[in-house]
């Protein structure tokens, strides 16, 4: 019964984890004084530059801010399909 209710209301561990990650990202962006629009613009610029040198999977690209103590780090996970040998 509990499993059925969980599926009905979408209360899965996966959605809980996603919500926590979104909240963490919002808090980190707030501390870094970086708007979500600016982070999206940064992501687009990175795609444009990297696409000159390699074929990347834009759908799998993740760019986040991560904070620890008093510093903030830009963390990018960029799946590379292949490197372009000639410019």
N, C-alpha and C. Protein backbone atom coordinates (compact mmCIF):
# COMPACT_ATOMS: atom_id res chain seq x y z
N UNK A 1 0.82 -1.19 0.00
CA UNK A 1 0.00 0.00 0.00
C UNK A 1 0.87 1.26 0.00
N UNK A 2 1.90 1.26 0.85
CA UNK A 2 2.79 2.42 0.93
C UNK A 2 3.52 2.64 -0.39
N UNK A 3 3.92 1.56 -1.02
CA UNK A 3 4.61 1.66 -2.31
C UNK A 3 3.67 2.27 -3.36
N UNK A 4 2.41 1.85 -3.35
CA UNK A 4 1.44 2.38 -4.29
C UNK A 4 1.24 3.88 -4.08
N UNK A 5 1.13 4.31 -2.83
CA UNK A 5 0.97 5.73 -2.53
C UNK A 5 2.20 6.52 -2.94
N UNK A 6 3.37 5.94 -2.72
CA UNK A 6 4.60 6.62 -3.12
C UNK A 6 4.64 6.83 -4.63
N UNK A 7 4.26 5.81 -5.37
CA UNK A 7 4.23 5.95 -6.83
C UNK A 7 3.15 6.95 -7.25
N UNK A 8 2.02 6.94 -6.59
CA UNK A 8 0.92 7.83 -6.92
C UNK A 8 1.32 9.30 -6.74
N UNK A 9 1.96 9.61 -5.65
CA UNK A 9 2.33 10.99 -5.35
C UNK A 9 3.75 11.33 -5.77
N UNK A 10 4.46 10.39 -6.39
CA UNK A 10 5.81 10.65 -6.90
C UNK A 10 6.84 10.84 -5.82
N UNK A 11 6.60 10.33 -4.65
CA UNK A 11 7.53 10.49 -3.53
C UNK A 11 8.59 9.40 -3.60
N UNK A 12 9.47 9.53 -4.55
CA UNK A 12 10.54 8.55 -4.69
C UNK A 12 11.83 9.13 -4.15
N UNK A 13 12.76 8.27 -3.87
CA UNK A 13 14.07 8.74 -3.41
C UNK A 13 14.75 9.57 -4.48
N UNK A 14 14.52 9.18 -5.74
CA UNK A 14 15.16 9.90 -6.83
C UNK A 14 14.67 11.35 -6.89
N UNK A 15 13.38 11.59 -6.78
CA UNK A 15 12.87 12.96 -6.82
C UNK A 15 13.30 13.74 -5.59
N UNK A 16 13.42 13.06 -4.46
CA UNK A 16 13.90 13.71 -3.24
C UNK A 16 15.34 14.17 -3.42
N UNK A 17 16.16 13.30 -4.01
CA UNK A 17 17.56 13.64 -4.25
C UNK A 17 17.69 14.78 -5.26
N UNK A 18 16.85 14.77 -6.29
CA UNK A 18 16.87 15.86 -7.27
C UNK A 18 16.50 17.18 -6.62
N UNK A 19 15.50 17.17 -5.76
CA UNK A 19 15.08 18.39 -5.08
C UNK A 19 16.20 18.92 -4.18
N UNK A 20 16.88 18.03 -3.48
CA UNK A 20 18.01 18.45 -2.64
C UNK A 20 19.12 19.06 -3.48
N UNK A 21 19.41 18.45 -4.63
CA UNK A 21 20.47 18.96 -5.50
C UNK A 21 20.09 20.33 -6.06
N UNK A 22 18.84 20.51 -6.43
CA UNK A 22 18.40 21.82 -6.94
C UNK A 22 18.51 22.89 -5.86
N UNK A 23 18.10 22.56 -4.65
CA UNK A 23 18.21 23.51 -3.55
C UNK A 23 19.66 23.85 -3.28
N UNK A 24 20.53 22.84 -3.29
CA UNK A 24 21.96 23.08 -3.06
C UNK A 24 22.52 24.00 -4.14
N UNK A 25 22.13 23.78 -5.39
CA UNK A 25 22.61 24.60 -6.49
C UNK A 25 22.14 26.04 -6.34
N UNK A 26 20.89 26.23 -5.95
CA UNK A 26 20.36 27.58 -5.74
C UNK A 26 21.13 28.29 -4.63
N UNK A 27 21.40 27.59 -3.54
CA UNK A 27 22.15 28.19 -2.44
C UNK A 27 23.57 28.55 -2.84
N UNK A 28 24.22 27.69 -3.58
CA UNK A 28 25.59 27.96 -4.04
C UNK A 28 25.60 29.15 -4.98
N UNK A 29 24.65 29.19 -5.92
CA UNK A 29 24.57 30.32 -6.84
C UNK A 29 24.32 31.62 -6.09
N UNK A 30 23.51 31.57 -5.05
CA UNK A 30 23.23 32.75 -4.25
C UNK A 30 24.49 33.24 -3.55
N UNK A 31 25.25 32.31 -3.01
CA UNK A 31 26.50 32.69 -2.33
C UNK A 31 27.53 33.24 -3.30
N UNK A 32 27.54 32.74 -4.52
CA UNK A 32 28.50 33.18 -5.52
C UNK A 32 28.03 34.44 -6.24
N UNK A 33 26.84 34.88 -5.94
CA UNK A 33 26.23 36.04 -6.57
C UNK A 33 26.24 35.86 -8.09
N UNK A 34 25.79 34.70 -8.52
CA UNK A 34 25.75 34.36 -9.93
C UNK A 34 24.33 33.94 -10.27
N UNK A 35 23.69 34.68 -11.14
CA UNK A 35 22.30 34.38 -11.49
C UNK A 35 22.23 33.13 -12.37
N UNK A 36 21.09 32.45 -12.34
CA UNK A 36 20.94 31.28 -13.22
C UNK A 36 21.10 31.65 -14.69
N UNK A 37 20.68 32.86 -15.08
CA UNK A 37 20.86 33.30 -16.47
C UNK A 37 22.32 33.43 -16.84
N UNK A 38 23.13 33.93 -15.92
CA UNK A 38 24.56 34.06 -16.17
C UNK A 38 25.22 32.69 -16.26
N UNK A 39 24.78 31.75 -15.44
CA UNK A 39 25.31 30.39 -15.50
C UNK A 39 24.95 29.74 -16.84
N UNK A 40 23.74 29.98 -17.33
CA UNK A 40 23.34 29.46 -18.64
C UNK A 40 24.16 30.08 -19.76
N UNK A 41 24.42 31.38 -19.67
CA UNK A 41 25.24 32.06 -20.67
C UNK A 41 26.66 31.51 -20.67
N UNK A 42 27.19 31.25 -19.49
CA UNK A 42 28.53 30.66 -19.36
C UNK A 42 28.57 29.28 -20.00
N UNK A 43 27.53 28.51 -19.78
CA UNK A 43 27.43 27.17 -20.35
C UNK A 43 27.42 27.24 -21.88
N UNK A 44 26.65 28.15 -22.44
CA UNK A 44 26.59 28.32 -23.90
C UNK A 44 27.94 28.73 -24.47
N UNK A 45 28.63 29.64 -23.80
CA UNK A 45 29.96 30.06 -24.24
C UNK A 45 30.94 28.89 -24.24
N UNK A 46 30.87 28.08 -23.19
CA UNK A 46 31.75 26.91 -23.10
C UNK A 46 31.47 25.95 -24.25
N UNK A 47 30.19 25.74 -24.57
CA UNK A 47 29.82 24.87 -25.69
C UNK A 47 30.40 25.41 -26.99
N UNK A 48 30.27 26.71 -27.22
CA UNK A 48 30.78 27.31 -28.45
C UNK A 48 32.29 27.15 -28.59
N UNK A 49 33.01 27.41 -27.53
CA UNK A 49 34.47 27.31 -27.57
C UNK A 49 34.92 25.87 -27.73
N UNK A 50 34.38 24.97 -26.92
CA UNK A 50 34.78 23.57 -26.97
C UNK A 50 34.42 22.91 -28.30
N UNK A 51 33.33 23.35 -28.92
CA UNK A 51 32.91 22.77 -30.19
C UNK A 51 33.89 23.05 -31.32
N UNK A 52 34.73 24.04 -31.17
CA UNK A 52 35.78 24.31 -32.16
C UNK A 52 36.83 23.22 -32.17
N UNK A 53 37.06 22.58 -31.04
CA UNK A 53 38.15 21.63 -30.89
C UNK A 53 37.71 20.18 -30.75
N UNK A 54 36.46 19.96 -30.36
CA UNK A 54 35.98 18.60 -30.17
C UNK A 54 34.48 18.53 -30.34
N UNK A 55 34.01 17.33 -30.65
CA UNK A 55 32.58 17.09 -30.74
C UNK A 55 32.11 16.66 -29.36
N UNK A 56 31.21 17.44 -28.78
CA UNK A 56 30.74 17.16 -27.43
C UNK A 56 29.26 16.79 -27.44
N UNK A 57 28.84 16.10 -26.40
CA UNK A 57 27.44 15.74 -26.21
C UNK A 57 26.79 16.84 -25.39
N UNK A 58 26.13 17.77 -26.07
CA UNK A 58 25.54 18.93 -25.39
C UNK A 58 24.44 18.53 -24.41
N UNK A 59 23.73 17.44 -24.71
CA UNK A 59 22.65 17.00 -23.83
C UNK A 59 23.19 16.50 -22.49
N UNK A 60 24.39 15.92 -22.51
CA UNK A 60 24.97 15.37 -21.29
C UNK A 60 25.84 16.35 -20.53
N UNK A 61 26.03 17.54 -21.08
CA UNK A 61 26.89 18.54 -20.45
C UNK A 61 26.26 19.07 -19.17
N UNK A 62 27.03 19.09 -18.11
CA UNK A 62 26.56 19.63 -16.83
C UNK A 62 27.57 20.65 -16.32
N UNK A 63 27.08 21.81 -15.95
CA UNK A 63 27.91 22.87 -15.38
C UNK A 63 27.26 23.28 -14.07
N UNK A 64 28.02 23.18 -12.99
CA UNK A 64 27.49 23.52 -11.67
C UNK A 64 28.51 24.32 -10.88
N UNK A 65 28.04 24.96 -9.86
CA UNK A 65 28.90 25.61 -8.89
C UNK A 65 28.90 24.76 -7.63
N UNK A 66 30.06 24.57 -7.07
CA UNK A 66 30.19 23.77 -5.86
C UNK A 66 30.94 24.60 -4.82
N UNK A 67 30.42 24.62 -3.62
CA UNK A 67 31.08 25.42 -2.59
C UNK A 67 31.60 24.52 -1.48
N UNK A 68 32.72 24.93 -0.96
CA UNK A 68 33.30 24.27 0.21
C UNK A 68 34.01 25.34 1.02
N UNK A 69 33.69 25.40 2.27
CA UNK A 69 34.24 26.43 3.16
C UNK A 69 33.95 27.82 2.61
N UNK A 70 35.00 28.58 2.28
CA UNK A 70 34.82 29.95 1.81
C UNK A 70 35.05 30.11 0.32
N UNK A 71 35.12 29.01 -0.43
CA UNK A 71 35.40 29.12 -1.86
C UNK A 71 34.29 28.46 -2.68
N UNK A 72 34.20 28.90 -3.91
CA UNK A 72 33.22 28.35 -4.85
C UNK A 72 33.99 27.87 -6.07
N UNK A 73 33.66 26.67 -6.55
CA UNK A 73 34.34 26.09 -7.72
C UNK A 73 33.32 25.86 -8.83
N UNK A 74 33.75 26.10 -10.06
CA UNK A 74 32.95 25.78 -11.22
C UNK A 74 33.30 24.35 -11.61
N UNK A 75 32.30 23.47 -11.64
CA UNK A 75 32.52 22.07 -11.95
C UNK A 75 31.76 21.75 -13.23
N UNK A 76 32.50 21.24 -14.22
CA UNK A 76 31.88 20.92 -15.50
C UNK A 76 32.11 19.46 -15.85
N UNK A 77 31.05 18.79 -16.24
CA UNK A 77 31.12 17.42 -16.73
C UNK A 77 30.74 17.50 -18.21
N UNK A 78 31.74 17.28 -19.09
CA UNK A 78 31.55 17.49 -20.52
C UNK A 78 31.85 16.20 -21.27
N UNK A 79 30.82 15.47 -21.70
CA UNK A 79 31.06 14.24 -22.46
C UNK A 79 31.61 14.57 -23.86
N UNK A 80 32.77 14.00 -24.18
CA UNK A 80 33.42 14.24 -25.46
C UNK A 80 33.19 13.03 -26.36
N UNK A 81 32.63 13.27 -27.54
CA UNK A 81 32.41 12.19 -28.50
C UNK A 81 33.68 11.90 -29.28
N UNK A 82 34.32 12.96 -29.77
CA UNK A 82 35.60 12.79 -30.46
C UNK A 82 36.32 14.13 -30.53
N UNK A 83 37.63 14.06 -30.69
CA UNK A 83 38.46 15.25 -30.81
C UNK A 83 38.66 15.55 -32.28
N UNK A 84 38.52 16.81 -32.64
CA UNK A 84 38.75 17.23 -34.02
C UNK A 84 40.25 17.42 -34.21
N UNK A 85 40.84 16.71 -35.14
CA UNK A 85 42.29 16.75 -35.35
C UNK A 85 42.74 17.95 -36.15
N UNK A 86 41.91 18.42 -37.08
CA UNK A 86 42.27 19.56 -37.92
C UNK A 86 41.36 20.73 -37.62
N UNK A 87 41.92 21.92 -37.65
CA UNK A 87 41.11 23.14 -37.42
C UNK A 87 40.67 23.74 -38.72
